[in-house]
PDB file of N, CA and C in Angstrom:
ATOM      1  N   MET A   1     -17.960  56.189  20.146  1.00  0.00           N
ATOM      2  CA  MET A   1     -16.638  56.119  20.731  1.00  0.00           C
ATOM      3  C   MET A   1     -16.636  55.017  21.795  1.00  0.00           C
ATOM      4  N   SER A   2     -15.548  54.227  21.857  1.00  0.00           N
ATOM      5  CA  SER A   2     -15.490  53.164  22.840  1.00  0.00           C
ATOM      6  C   SER A   2     -15.141  53.710  24.181  1.00  0.00           C
ATOM      7  N   LYS A   3     -15.593  53.043  25.197  1.00  0.00           N
ATOM      8  CA  LYS A   3     -15.341  53.393  26.579  1.00  0.00           C
ATOM      9  C   LYS A   3     -13.913  53.033  26.930  1.00  0.00           C
ATOM     10  N   LYS A   4     -13.251  53.856  27.725  1.00  0.00           N
ATOM     11  CA  LYS A   4     -11.862  53.613  28.139  1.00  0.00           C
ATOM     12  C   LYS A   4     -11.847  53.025  29.558  1.00  0.00           C
ATOM     13  N   VAL A   5     -11.080  51.937  29.678  1.00  0.00           N
ATOM     14  CA  VAL A   5     -10.886  51.310  30.994  1.00  0.00           C
ATOM     15  C   VAL A   5      -9.344  51.316  31.292  1.00  0.00           C
ATOM     16  N   LEU A   6      -9.022  51.901  32.434  1.00  0.00           N
ATOM     17  CA  LEU A   6      -7.604  51.917  32.830  1.00  0.00           C
ATOM     18  C   LEU A   6      -7.400  50.769  33.896  1.00  0.00           C
ATOM     19  N   ILE A   7      -6.457  49.855  33.598  1.00  0.00           N
ATOM     20  CA  ILE A   7      -6.092  48.769  34.503  1.00  0.00           C
ATOM     21  C   ILE A   7      -4.773  49.083  35.094  1.00  0.00           C
ATOM     22  N   ILE A   8      -4.781  49.390  36.441  1.00  0.00           N
ATOM     23  CA  ILE A   8      -3.522  49.629  37.167  1.00  0.00           C
ATOM     24  C   ILE A   8      -3.235  48.398  38.012  1.00  0.00           C
ATOM     25  N   GLU A   9      -2.312  47.572  37.445  1.00  0.00           N
ATOM     26  CA  GLU A   9      -2.063  46.230  38.045  1.00  0.00           C
ATOM     27  C   GLU A   9      -0.622  45.835  37.720  1.00  0.00           C
ATOM     28  N   ASP A  10       0.116  45.480  38.783  1.00  0.00           N
ATOM     29  CA  ASP A  10       1.541  45.089  38.529  1.00  0.00           C
ATOM     30  C   ASP A  10       1.720  43.611  38.130  1.00  0.00           C
ATOM     31  N   ASP A  11       0.679  42.795  38.236  1.00  0.00           N
ATOM     32  CA  ASP A  11       0.740  41.385  37.815  1.00  0.00           C
ATOM     33  C   ASP A  11       0.618  41.408  36.228  1.00  0.00           C
ATOM     34  N   LYS A  12       1.662  41.080  35.580  1.00  0.00           N
ATOM     35  CA  LYS A  12       1.613  41.117  34.126  1.00  0.00           C
ATOM     36  C   LYS A  12       0.573  40.201  33.561  1.00  0.00           C
ATOM     37  N   PHE A  13       0.430  38.956  34.030  1.00  0.00           N
ATOM     38  CA  PHE A  13      -0.507  38.063  33.554  1.00  0.00           C
ATOM     39  C   PHE A  13      -1.939  38.566  33.617  1.00  0.00           C
ATOM     40  N   LEU A  14      -2.314  39.005  34.854  1.00  0.00           N
ATOM     41  CA  LEU A  14      -3.672  39.491  35.049  1.00  0.00           C
ATOM     42  C   LEU A  14      -3.883  40.734  34.268  1.00  0.00           C
ATOM     43  N   ARG A  15      -2.941  41.664  34.259  1.00  0.00           N
ATOM     44  CA  ARG A  15      -3.073  42.935  33.533  1.00  0.00           C
ATOM     45  C   ARG A  15      -3.382  42.723  32.048  1.00  0.00           C
ATOM     46  N   GLU A  16      -2.569  41.788  31.457  1.00  0.00           N
ATOM     47  CA  GLU A  16      -2.755  41.517  30.055  1.00  0.00           C
ATOM     48  C   GLU A  16      -3.959  40.734  29.750  1.00  0.00           C
ATOM     49  N   LEU A  17      -4.327  39.771  30.633  1.00  0.00           N
ATOM     50  CA  LEU A  17      -5.565  39.037  30.440  1.00  0.00           C
ATOM     51  C   LEU A  17      -6.793  39.894  30.432  1.00  0.00           C
ATOM     52  N   LEU A  18      -6.897  40.783  31.469  1.00  0.00           N
ATOM     53  CA  LEU A  18      -7.998  41.708  31.544  1.00  0.00           C
ATOM     54  C   LEU A  18      -8.019  42.683  30.340  1.00  0.00           C
ATOM     55  N   GLY A  19      -6.859  43.140  29.992  1.00  0.00           N
ATOM     56  CA  GLY A  19      -6.791  44.083  28.891  1.00  0.00           C
ATOM     57  C   GLY A  19      -7.236  43.481  27.585  1.00  0.00           C
ATOM     58  N   LYS A  20      -6.764  42.207  27.332  1.00  0.00           N
ATOM     59  CA  LYS A  20      -7.247  41.508  26.066  1.00  0.00           C
ATOM     60  C   LYS A  20      -8.722  41.282  26.117  1.00  0.00           C
ATOM     61  N   LYS A  21      -9.229  40.836  27.255  1.00  0.00           N
ATOM     62  CA  LYS A  21     -10.645  40.486  27.376  1.00  0.00           C
ATOM     63  C   LYS A  21     -11.515  41.740  27.087  1.00  0.00           C
ATOM     64  N   LEU A  22     -11.072  42.903  27.667  1.00  0.00           N
ATOM     65  CA  LEU A  22     -11.821  44.133  27.536  1.00  0.00           C
ATOM     66  C   LEU A  22     -11.789  44.595  26.011  1.00  0.00           C
ATOM     67  N   SER A  23     -10.539  44.535  25.458  1.00  0.00           N
ATOM     68  CA  SER A  23     -10.349  44.934  24.079  1.00  0.00           C
ATOM     69  C   SER A  23     -11.263  44.138  23.139  1.00  0.00           C
ATOM     70  N   SER A  24     -11.295  42.788  23.391  1.00  0.00           N
ATOM     71  CA  SER A  24     -12.109  41.890  22.551  1.00  0.00           C
ATOM     72  C   SER A  24     -13.599  42.276  22.647  1.00  0.00           C
ATOM     73  N   LEU A  25     -14.010  42.932  23.742  1.00  0.00           N
ATOM     74  CA  LEU A  25     -15.409  43.396  23.874  1.00  0.00           C
ATOM     75  C   LEU A  25     -15.608  44.798  23.331  1.00  0.00           C
ATOM     76  N   GLY A  26     -14.606  45.351  22.733  1.00  0.00           N
ATOM     77  CA  GLY A  26     -14.753  46.676  22.145  1.00  0.00           C
ATOM     78  C   GLY A  26     -14.404  47.888  23.031  1.00  0.00           C
ATOM     79  N   TYR A  27     -13.789  47.542  24.256  1.00  0.00           N
ATOM     80  CA  TYR A  27     -13.376  48.659  25.121  1.00  0.00           C
ATOM     81  C   TYR A  27     -11.914  49.008  24.768  1.00  0.00           C
ATOM     82  N   ASP A  28     -11.603  50.287  25.032  1.00  0.00           N
ATOM     83  CA  ASP A  28     -10.243  50.779  24.851  1.00  0.00           C
ATOM     84  C   ASP A  28      -9.552  50.502  26.168  1.00  0.00           C
ATOM     85  N   SER A  29      -8.717  49.473  26.278  1.00  0.00           N
ATOM     86  CA  SER A  29      -8.075  49.204  27.506  1.00  0.00           C
ATOM     87  C   SER A  29      -6.672  49.892  27.605  1.00  0.00           C
ATOM     88  N   LEU A  30      -6.432  50.594  28.700  1.00  0.00           N
ATOM     89  CA  LEU A  30      -5.213  51.274  28.989  1.00  0.00           C
ATOM     90  C   LEU A  30      -4.626  50.470  30.138  1.00  0.00           C
ATOM     91  N   LEU A  31      -3.248  50.434  30.149  1.00  0.00           N
ATOM     92  CA  LEU A  31      -2.583  49.613  31.160  1.00  0.00           C
ATOM     93  C   LEU A  31      -1.548  50.477  31.891  1.00  0.00           C
ATOM     94  N   ALA A  32      -1.405  50.253  33.211  1.00  0.00           N
ATOM     95  CA  ALA A  32      -0.356  50.918  33.964  1.00  0.00           C
ATOM     96  C   ALA A  32       0.144  49.881  34.985  1.00  0.00           C
ATOM     97  N   VAL A  33       1.468  49.932  35.269  1.00  0.00           N
ATOM     98  CA  VAL A  33       2.079  48.921  36.165  1.00  0.00           C
ATOM     99  C   VAL A  33       2.288  49.483  37.544  1.00  0.00           C
ATOM    100  N   GLU A  34       2.606  50.757  37.582  1.00  0.00           N
ATOM    101  CA  GLU A  34       2.950  51.456  38.886  1.00  0.00           C
ATOM    102  C   GLU A  34       1.884  52.494  39.268  1.00  0.00           C
ATOM    103  N   GLY A  35       1.859  52.721  40.583  1.00  0.00           N
ATOM    104  CA  GLY A  35       0.886  53.774  41.124  1.00  0.00           C
ATOM    105  C   GLY A  35       1.002  55.055  40.523  1.00  0.00           C
ATOM    106  N   GLU A  36       2.311  55.640  40.393  1.00  0.00           N
ATOM    107  CA  GLU A  36       2.447  57.012  39.805  1.00  0.00           C
ATOM    108  C   GLU A  36       1.973  57.022  38.324  1.00  0.00           C
ATOM    109  N   GLU A  37       2.404  55.980  37.646  1.00  0.00           N
ATOM    110  CA  GLU A  37       2.024  55.872  36.202  1.00  0.00           C
ATOM    111  C   GLU A  37       0.453  55.855  36.057  1.00  0.00           C
ATOM    112  N   GLY A  38      -0.164  55.073  36.945  1.00  0.00           N
ATOM    113  CA  GLY A  38      -1.589  54.941  36.916  1.00  0.00           C
ATOM    114  C   GLY A  38      -2.307  56.312  37.175  1.00  0.00           C
ATOM    115  N   LEU A  39      -1.795  57.003  38.211  1.00  0.00           N
ATOM    116  CA  LEU A  39      -2.408  58.272  38.524  1.00  0.00           C
ATOM    117  C   LEU A  39      -2.216  59.210  37.396  1.00  0.00           C
ATOM    118  N   GLU A  40      -1.048  59.285  36.749  1.00  0.00           N
ATOM    119  CA  GLU A  40      -0.737  60.135  35.615  1.00  0.00           C
ATOM    120  C   GLU A  40      -1.760  59.787  34.459  1.00  0.00           C
ATOM    121  N   LYS A  41      -2.020  58.510  34.174  1.00  0.00           N
ATOM    122  CA  LYS A  41      -2.859  58.130  33.121  1.00  0.00           C
ATOM    123  C   LYS A  41      -4.353  58.458  33.428  1.00  0.00           C
ATOM    124  N   ILE A  42      -4.755  58.426  34.704  1.00  0.00           N
ATOM    125  CA  ILE A  42      -6.108  58.873  35.037  1.00  0.00           C
ATOM    126  C   ILE A  42      -6.250  60.326  34.656  1.00  0.00           C
ATOM    127  N   LYS A  43      -5.205  61.150  34.949  1.00  0.00           N
ATOM    128  CA  LYS A  43      -5.261  62.586  34.652  1.00  0.00           C
ATOM    129  C   LYS A  43      -5.232  62.877  33.185  1.00  0.00           C
ATOM    130  N   THR A  44      -4.383  62.185  32.444  1.00  0.00           N
ATOM    131  CA  THR A  44      -4.197  62.515  31.043  1.00  0.00           C
ATOM    132  C   THR A  44      -5.222  61.828  30.120  1.00  0.00           C
ATOM    133  N   GLU A  45      -5.582  60.605  30.480  1.00  0.00           N
ATOM    134  CA  GLU A  45      -6.569  59.775  29.619  1.00  0.00           C
ATOM    135  C   GLU A  45      -8.026  59.967  30.002  1.00  0.00           C
ATOM    136  N   LYS A  46      -8.235  60.345  31.265  1.00  0.00           N
ATOM    137  CA  LYS A  46      -9.643  60.490  31.712  1.00  0.00           C
ATOM    138  C   LYS A  46     -10.487  59.265  31.367  1.00  0.00           C
ATOM    139  N   PRO A  47     -10.066  58.035  31.868  1.00  0.00           N
ATOM    140  CA  PRO A  47     -10.807  56.808  31.490  1.00  0.00           C
ATOM    141  C   PRO A  47     -12.239  56.880  32.092  1.00  0.00           C
ATOM    142  N   ASP A  48     -13.141  55.975  31.540  1.00  0.00           N
ATOM    143  CA  ASP A  48     -14.474  55.909  32.042  1.00  0.00           C
ATOM    144  C   ASP A  48     -14.619  55.164  33.370  1.00  0.00           C
ATOM    145  N   VAL A  49     -13.654  54.267  33.560  1.00  0.00           N
ATOM    146  CA  VAL A  49     -13.567  53.510  34.814  1.00  0.00           C
ATOM    147  C   VAL A  49     -12.132  53.045  35.097  1.00  0.00           C
ATOM    148  N   VAL A  50     -11.722  52.860  36.297  1.00  0.00           N
ATOM    149  CA  VAL A  50     -10.387  52.430  36.666  1.00  0.00           C
ATOM    150  C   VAL A  50     -10.463  51.182  37.473  1.00  0.00           C
ATOM    151  N   LEU A  51      -9.666  50.152  37.097  1.00  0.00           N
ATOM    152  CA  LEU A  51      -9.548  49.002  37.928  1.00  0.00           C
ATOM    153  C   LEU A  51      -8.178  49.080  38.609  1.00  0.00           C
ATOM    154  N   LEU A  52      -8.177  49.123  39.904  1.00  0.00           N
ATOM    155  CA  LEU A  52      -6.999  49.483  40.664  1.00  0.00           C
ATOM    156  C   LEU A  52      -6.555  48.392  41.655  1.00  0.00           C
ATOM    157  N   ASP A  53      -5.357  47.935  41.470  1.00  0.00           N
ATOM    158  CA  ASP A  53      -4.754  46.984  42.482  1.00  0.00           C
ATOM    159  C   ASP A  53      -4.240  47.917  43.661  1.00  0.00           C
ATOM    160  N   LEU A  54      -4.072  47.273  44.824  1.00  0.00           N
ATOM    161  CA  LEU A  54      -3.607  48.056  45.954  1.00  0.00           C
ATOM    162  C   LEU A  54      -2.116  47.974  46.186  1.00  0.00           C
ATOM    163  N   ILE A  55      -1.518  46.721  45.987  1.00  0.00           N
ATOM    164  CA  ILE A  55      -0.143  46.505  46.172  1.00  0.00           C
ATOM    165  C   ILE A  55       0.546  46.759  44.875  1.00  0.00           C
ATOM    166  N   LEU A  56       1.202  47.978  44.787  1.00  0.00           N
ATOM    167  CA  LEU A  56       1.794  48.442  43.539  1.00  0.00           C
ATOM    168  C   LEU A  56       3.225  48.902  43.846  1.00  0.00           C
ATOM    169  N   PRO A  57       4.122  48.882  42.825  1.00  0.00           N
ATOM    170  CA  PRO A  57       5.470  49.513  42.999  1.00  0.00           C
ATOM    171  C   PRO A  57       5.236  51.068  43.138  1.00  0.00           C
ATOM    172  N   GLY A  58       6.062  51.679  43.899  1.00  0.00           N
ATOM    173  CA  GLY A  58       5.887  53.164  44.060  1.00  0.00           C
ATOM    174  C   GLY A  58       4.694  53.401  45.021  1.00  0.00           C
ATOM    175  N   ILE A  59       3.899  54.363  44.707  1.00  0.00           N
ATOM    176  CA  ILE A  59       2.744  54.620  45.580  1.00  0.00           C
ATOM    177  C   ILE A  59       1.716  53.570  45.462  1.00  0.00           C
ATOM    178  N   ASN A  60       1.118  53.207  46.600  1.00  0.00           N
ATOM    179  CA  ASN A  60       0.104  52.120  46.572  1.00  0.00           C
ATOM    180  C   ASN A  60      -1.256  52.498  46.082  1.00  0.00           C
ATOM    181  N   GLY A  61      -2.070  51.548  45.911  1.00  0.00           N
ATOM    182  CA  GLY A  61      -3.459  51.822  45.372  1.00  0.00           C
ATOM    183  C   GLY A  61      -4.268  52.793  46.236  1.00  0.00           C
ATOM    184  N   PHE A  62      -4.107  52.665  47.504  1.00  0.00           N
ATOM    185  CA  PHE A  62      -4.854  53.591  48.403  1.00  0.00           C
ATOM    186  C   PHE A  62      -4.512  55.000  48.113  1.00  0.00           C
ATOM    187  N   GLU A  63      -3.111  55.248  47.878  1.00  0.00           N
ATOM    188  CA  GLU A  63      -2.660  56.601  47.620  1.00  0.00           C
ATOM    189  C   GLU A  63      -3.174  57.078  46.235  1.00  0.00           C
ATOM    190  N   VAL A  64      -3.158  56.197  45.258  1.00  0.00           N
ATOM    191  CA  VAL A  64      -3.698  56.547  43.920  1.00  0.00           C
ATOM    192  C   VAL A  64      -5.197  56.956  44.086  1.00  0.00           C
ATOM    193  N   LEU A  65      -5.916  56.140  44.830  1.00  0.00           N
ATOM    194  CA  LEU A  65      -7.397  56.410  45.072  1.00  0.00           C
ATOM    195  C   LEU A  65      -7.507  57.786  45.726  1.00  0.00           C
ATOM    196  N   GLU A  66      -6.825  57.974  46.802  1.00  0.00           N
ATOM    197  CA  GLU A  66      -6.924  59.213  47.620  1.00  0.00           C
ATOM    198  C   GLU A  66      -6.554  60.451  46.757  1.00  0.00           C
ATOM    199  N   ASN A  67      -5.453  60.374  46.066  1.00  0.00           N
ATOM    200  CA  ASN A  67      -5.012  61.504  45.209  1.00  0.00           C
ATOM    201  C   ASN A  67      -6.010  61.780  44.065  1.00  0.00           C
ATOM    202  N   SER A  68      -6.590  60.753  43.468  1.00  0.00           N
ATOM    203  CA  SER A  68      -7.526  60.959  42.405  1.00  0.00           C
ATOM    204  C   SER A  68      -8.882  61.581  42.891  1.00  0.00           C
ATOM    205  N   LYS A  69      -9.262  61.161  44.079  1.00  0.00           N
ATOM    206  CA  LYS A  69     -10.524  61.702  44.661  1.00  0.00           C
ATOM    207  C   LYS A  69     -10.358  63.150  45.138  1.00  0.00           C
ATOM    208  N   LYS A  70      -9.086  63.603  45.449  1.00  0.00           N
ATOM    209  CA  LYS A  70      -8.874  64.997  45.843  1.00  0.00           C
ATOM    210  C   LYS A  70      -8.765  65.874  44.623  1.00  0.00           C
ATOM    211  N   ASP A  71      -8.621  65.347  43.490  1.00  0.00           N
ATOM    212  CA  ASP A  71      -8.429  66.188  42.189  1.00  0.00           C
ATOM    213  C   ASP A  71      -9.760  66.412  41.556  1.00  0.00           C
ATOM    214  N   PRO A  72     -10.266  67.701  41.565  1.00  0.00           N
ATOM    215  CA  PRO A  72     -11.614  67.941  41.009  1.00  0.00           C
ATOM    216  C   PRO A  72     -11.737  67.648  39.506  1.00  0.00           C
ATOM    217  N   THR A  73     -10.624  67.542  38.804  1.00  0.00           N
ATOM    218  CA  THR A  73     -10.672  67.198  37.318  1.00  0.00           C
ATOM    219  C   THR A  73     -10.943  65.759  37.060  1.00  0.00           C
ATOM    220  N   ILE A  74     -10.677  64.896  38.082  1.00  0.00           N
ATOM    221  CA  ILE A  74     -10.856  63.454  37.841  1.00  0.00           C
ATOM    222  C   ILE A  74     -11.607  62.692  38.913  1.00  0.00           C
ATOM    223  N   ASN A  75     -12.077  63.478  39.949  1.00  0.00           N
ATOM    224  CA  ASN A  75     -12.703  62.780  41.100  1.00  0.00           C
ATOM    225  C   ASN A  75     -14.031  62.111  40.807  1.00  0.00           C
ATOM    226  N   GLU A  76     -14.633  62.320  39.650  1.00  0.00           N
ATOM    227  CA  GLU A  76     -15.845  61.680  39.338  1.00  0.00           C
ATOM    228  C   GLU A  76     -15.696  60.326  38.647  1.00  0.00           C
ATOM    229  N   ILE A  77     -14.461  60.000  38.264  1.00  0.00           N
ATOM    230  CA  ILE A  77     -14.199  58.758  37.551  1.00  0.00           C
ATOM    231  C   ILE A  77     -14.303  57.599  38.573  1.00  0.00           C
ATOM    232  N   PRO A  78     -15.206  56.636  38.273  1.00  0.00           N
ATOM    233  CA  PRO A  78     -15.343  55.506  39.186  1.00  0.00           C
ATOM    234  C   PRO A  78     -14.038  54.585  39.242  1.00  0.00           C
ATOM    235  N   ILE A  79     -13.630  54.278  40.462  1.00  0.00           N
ATOM    236  CA  ILE A  79     -12.462  53.457  40.645  1.00  0.00           C
ATOM    237  C   ILE A  79     -12.933  52.161  41.376  1.00  0.00           C
ATOM    238  N   ILE A  80     -12.661  51.037  40.816  1.00  0.00           N
ATOM    239  CA  ILE A  80     -12.915  49.759  41.425  1.00  0.00           C
ATOM    240  C   ILE A  80     -11.571  49.165  41.866  1.00  0.00           C
ATOM    241  N   ILE A  81     -11.496  48.815  43.140  1.00  0.00           N
ATOM    242  CA  ILE A  81     -10.322  48.170  43.710  1.00  0.00           C
ATOM    243  C   ILE A  81     -10.362  46.683  43.373  1.00  0.00           C
ATOM    244  N   LEU A  82      -9.269  46.133  42.864  1.00  0.00           N
ATOM    245  CA  LEU A  82      -9.150  44.741  42.635  1.00  0.00           C
ATOM    246  C   LEU A  82      -7.888  44.271  43.373  1.00  0.00           C
ATOM    247  N   SER A  83      -8.016  43.593  44.400  1.00  0.00           N
ATOM    248  CA  SER A  83      -6.837  43.308  45.235  1.00  0.00           C
ATOM    249  C   SER A  83      -6.876  41.903  45.883  1.00  0.00           C
ATOM    250  N   ASN A  84      -5.712  41.443  46.289  1.00  0.00           N
ATOM    251  CA  ASN A  84      -5.709  40.227  47.148  1.00  0.00           C
ATOM    252  C   ASN A  84      -5.940  40.586  48.596  1.00  0.00           C
ATOM    253  N   LEU A  85      -5.865  41.804  48.958  1.00  0.00           N
ATOM    254  CA  LEU A  85      -6.158  42.204  50.348  1.00  0.00           C
ATOM    255  C   LEU A  85      -7.678  42.191  50.448  1.00  0.00           C
ATOM    256  N   GLY A  86      -8.173  41.344  51.423  1.00  0.00           N
ATOM    257  CA  GLY A  86      -9.580  41.207  51.541  1.00  0.00           C
ATOM    258  C   GLY A  86     -10.010  41.414  52.962  1.00  0.00           C
ATOM    259  N   GLN A  87      -9.157  41.978  53.829  1.00  0.00           N
ATOM    260  CA  GLN A  87      -9.531  42.190  55.192  1.00  0.00           C
ATOM    261  C   GLN A  87     -10.604  43.304  55.267  1.00  0.00           C
ATOM    262  N   LYS A  88     -11.424  43.098  56.297  1.00  0.00           N
ATOM    263  CA  LYS A  88     -12.567  44.092  56.418  1.00  0.00           C
ATOM    264  C   LYS A  88     -11.943  45.538  56.521  1.00  0.00           C
ATOM    265  N   GLU A  89     -10.906  45.755  57.148  1.00  0.00           N
ATOM    266  CA  GLU A  89     -10.305  47.068  57.296  1.00  0.00           C
ATOM    267  C   GLU A  89      -9.913  47.652  55.969  1.00  0.00           C
ATOM    268  N   ASP A  90      -9.291  46.795  55.079  1.00  0.00           N
ATOM    269  CA  ASP A  90      -8.921  47.212  53.752  1.00  0.00           C
ATOM    270  C   ASP A  90     -10.110  47.629  52.912  1.00  0.00           C
ATOM    271  N   ILE A  91     -11.153  46.777  53.009  1.00  0.00           N
ATOM    272  CA  ILE A  91     -12.364  47.066  52.194  1.00  0.00           C
ATOM    273  C   ILE A  91     -12.980  48.406  52.719  1.00  0.00           C
ATOM    274  N   GLU A  92     -13.039  48.544  54.031  1.00  0.00           N
ATOM    275  CA  GLU A  92     -13.681  49.728  54.580  1.00  0.00           C
ATOM    276  C   GLU A  92     -12.792  51.006  54.231  1.00  0.00           C
ATOM    277  N   LYS A  93     -11.492  50.818  54.264  1.00  0.00           N
ATOM    278  CA  LYS A  93     -10.650  51.959  53.931  1.00  0.00           C
ATOM    279  C   LYS A  93     -10.848  52.316  52.457  1.00  0.00           C
ATOM    280  N   GLY A  94     -10.918  51.306  51.590  1.00  0.00           N
ATOM    281  CA  GLY A  94     -11.094  51.576  50.175  1.00  0.00           C
ATOM    282  C   GLY A  94     -12.380  52.331  49.895  1.00  0.00           C
ATOM    283  N   LYS A  95     -13.462  51.865  50.453  1.00  0.00           N
ATOM    284  CA  LYS A  95     -14.786  52.449  50.253  1.00  0.00           C
ATOM    285  C   LYS A  95     -14.806  53.902  50.862  1.00  0.00           C
ATOM    286  N   SER A  96     -14.123  54.091  52.037  1.00  0.00           N
ATOM    287  CA  SER A  96     -14.163  55.404  52.703  1.00  0.00           C
ATOM    288  C   SER A  96     -13.388  56.376  51.836  1.00  0.00           C
ATOM    289  N   LEU A  97     -12.380  55.922  51.131  1.00  0.00           N
ATOM    290  CA  LEU A  97     -11.606  56.821  50.199  1.00  0.00           C
ATOM    291  C   LEU A  97     -12.282  57.093  48.915  1.00  0.00           C
ATOM    292  N   GLY A  98     -13.400  56.389  48.677  1.00  0.00           N
ATOM    293  CA  GLY A  98     -14.188  56.707  47.475  1.00  0.00           C
ATOM    294  C   GLY A  98     -14.230  55.647  46.432  1.00  0.00           C
ATOM    295  N   ALA A  99     -13.748  54.454  46.698  1.00  0.00           N
ATOM    296  CA  ALA A  99     -13.864  53.388  45.717  1.00  0.00           C
ATOM    297  C   ALA A  99     -15.296  53.003  45.432  1.00  0.00           C
ATOM    298  N   LYS A 100     -15.641  52.786  44.174  1.00  0.00           N
ATOM    299  CA  LYS A 100     -16.970  52.411  43.740  1.00  0.00           C
ATOM    300  C   LYS A 100     -17.254  51.026  44.188  1.00  0.00           C
ATOM    301  N   ASP A 101     -16.276  50.128  44.161  1.00  0.00           N
ATOM    302  CA  ASP A 101     -16.451  48.753  44.552  1.00  0.00           C
ATOM    303  C   ASP A 101     -15.120  48.207  44.965  1.00  0.00           C
ATOM    304  N   PHE A 102     -15.111  47.058  45.675  1.00  0.00           N
ATOM    305  CA  PHE A 102     -13.916  46.388  46.140  1.00  0.00           C
ATOM    306  C   PHE A 102     -14.021  44.923  45.814  1.00  0.00           C
ATOM    307  N   LEU A 103     -13.172  44.453  44.901  1.00  0.00           N
ATOM    308  CA  LEU A 103     -13.257  43.056  44.503  1.00  0.00           C
ATOM    309  C   LEU A 103     -11.998  42.319  45.003  1.00  0.00           C
ATOM    310  N   VAL A 104     -12.155  41.183  45.648  1.00  0.00           N
ATOM    311  CA  VAL A 104     -11.060  40.420  46.096  1.00  0.00           C
ATOM    312  C   VAL A 104     -10.680  39.443  44.994  1.00  0.00           C
ATOM    313  N   LYS A 105      -9.433  39.516  44.475  1.00  0.00           N
ATOM    314  CA  LYS A 105      -9.016  38.772  43.331  1.00  0.00           C
ATOM    315  C   LYS A 105      -9.449  37.270  43.405  1.00  0.00           C
ATOM    316  N   ALA A 106      -9.203  36.669  44.553  1.00  0.00           N
ATOM    317  CA  ALA A 106      -9.440  35.204  44.691  1.00  0.00           C
ATOM    318  C   ALA A 106     -10.925  34.877  44.527  1.00  0.00           C
ATOM    319  N   HIS A 107     -11.827  35.842  44.752  1.00  0.00           N
ATOM    320  CA  HIS A 107     -13.283  35.577  44.682  1.00  0.00           C
ATOM    321  C   HIS A 107     -13.920  35.793  43.349  1.00  0.00           C
ATOM    322  N   PHE A 108     -13.161  36.321  42.382  1.00  0.00           N
ATOM    323  CA  PHE A 108     -13.759  36.603  41.074  1.00  0.00           C
ATOM    324  C   PHE A 108     -12.898  36.112  39.976  1.00  0.00           C
ATOM    325  N   THR A 109     -13.584  35.552  38.881  1.00  0.00           N
ATOM    326  CA  THR A 109     -12.943  35.165  37.704  1.00  0.00           C
ATOM    327  C   THR A 109     -12.754  36.411  36.859  1.00  0.00           C
ATOM    328  N   PRO A 110     -11.805  36.344  35.897  1.00  0.00           N
ATOM    329  CA  PRO A 110     -11.661  37.499  34.972  1.00  0.00           C
ATOM    330  C   PRO A 110     -12.961  37.840  34.301  1.00  0.00           C
ATOM    331  N   GLN A 111     -13.780  36.936  33.945  1.00  0.00           N
ATOM    332  CA  GLN A 111     -15.078  37.208  33.360  1.00  0.00           C
ATOM    333  C   GLN A 111     -16.031  37.958  34.264  1.00  0.00           C
ATOM    334  N   GLU A 112     -16.055  37.544  35.524  1.00  0.00           N
ATOM    335  CA  GLU A 112     -16.868  38.239  36.511  1.00  0.00           C
ATOM    336  C   GLU A 112     -16.400  39.671  36.774  1.00  0.00           C
ATOM    337  N   ILE A 113     -15.055  39.855  36.693  1.00  0.00           N
ATOM    338  CA  ILE A 113     -14.501  41.194  36.866  1.00  0.00           C
ATOM    339  C   ILE A 113     -15.033  42.117  35.722  1.00  0.00           C
ATOM    340  N   VAL A 114     -14.920  41.535  34.453  1.00  0.00           N
ATOM    341  CA  VAL A 114     -15.355  42.294  33.254  1.00  0.00           C
ATOM    342  C   VAL A 114     -16.855  42.557  33.395  1.00  0.00           C
ATOM    343  N   ASN A 115     -17.640  41.570  33.855  1.00  0.00           N
ATOM    344  CA  ASN A 115     -19.066  41.808  34.025  1.00  0.00           C
ATOM    345  C   ASN A 115     -19.331  42.982  35.000  1.00  0.00           C
ATOM    346  N   LYS A 116     -18.644  43.063  36.055  1.00  0.00           N
ATOM    347  CA  LYS A 116     -18.738  44.201  37.022  1.00  0.00           C
ATOM    348  C   LYS A 116     -18.459  45.538  36.335  1.00  0.00           C
ATOM    349  N   LEU A 117     -17.346  45.492  35.540  1.00  0.00           N
ATOM    350  CA  LEU A 117     -16.988  46.733  34.876  1.00  0.00           C
ATOM    351  C   LEU A 117     -18.120  47.124  33.883  1.00  0.00           C
ATOM    352  N   GLN A 118     -18.660  46.207  33.159  1.00  0.00           N
ATOM    353  CA  GLN A 118     -19.683  46.441  32.149  1.00  0.00           C
ATOM    354  C   GLN A 118     -20.897  47.049  32.871  1.00  0.00           C
ATOM    355  N   THR A 119     -21.264  46.581  34.069  1.00  0.00           N
ATOM    356  CA  THR A 119     -22.391  47.105  34.796  1.00  0.00           C
ATOM    357  C   THR A 119     -22.161  48.606  35.080  1.00  0.00           C
ATOM    358  N   ILE A 120     -20.968  48.902  35.525  1.00  0.00           N
ATOM    359  CA  ILE A 120     -20.684  50.290  35.848  1.00  0.00           C
ATOM    360  C   ILE A 120     -20.582  51.221  34.626  1.00  0.00           C
ATOM    361  N   LEU A 121     -20.136  50.668  33.521  1.00  0.00           N
ATOM    362  CA  LEU A 121     -20.014  51.428  32.306  1.00  0.00           C
ATOM    363  C   LEU A 121     -21.347  51.663  31.545  1.00  0.00           C
ATOM    364  N   ASN A 122     -22.317  50.833  31.788  1.00  0.00           N
ATOM    365  CA  ASN A 122     -23.529  50.950  31.122  1.00  0.00           C
ATOM    366  C   ASN A 122     -24.679  51.713  31.824  1.00  0.00           C
TER     367      ASN A 122
END
């Protein structure tokens, strides 16, 4: 069975690019545009890993992270933050809320992001 990766990202280009890249590698990629939708998909789909943007329509990524870590049915699912916010405070907040990793979009190519995901999945 292929591993499921949920991408919660409001940037259509990046969301589709990462989704296609993961699908081409045999992963089952699930996509969500808004925070509420993403949180719902974490609960219903139980992905193997979540790639989470912070700036989202509706509830933001920090709220998605916080809510998922409070829910015992999904709190073990690793969540990687992928954001343009790269301030030390944002990174510390993300990690303190339980993010497995924090990637700043500008510092990583899509391939490097996929490599990080593969490391966590294997």
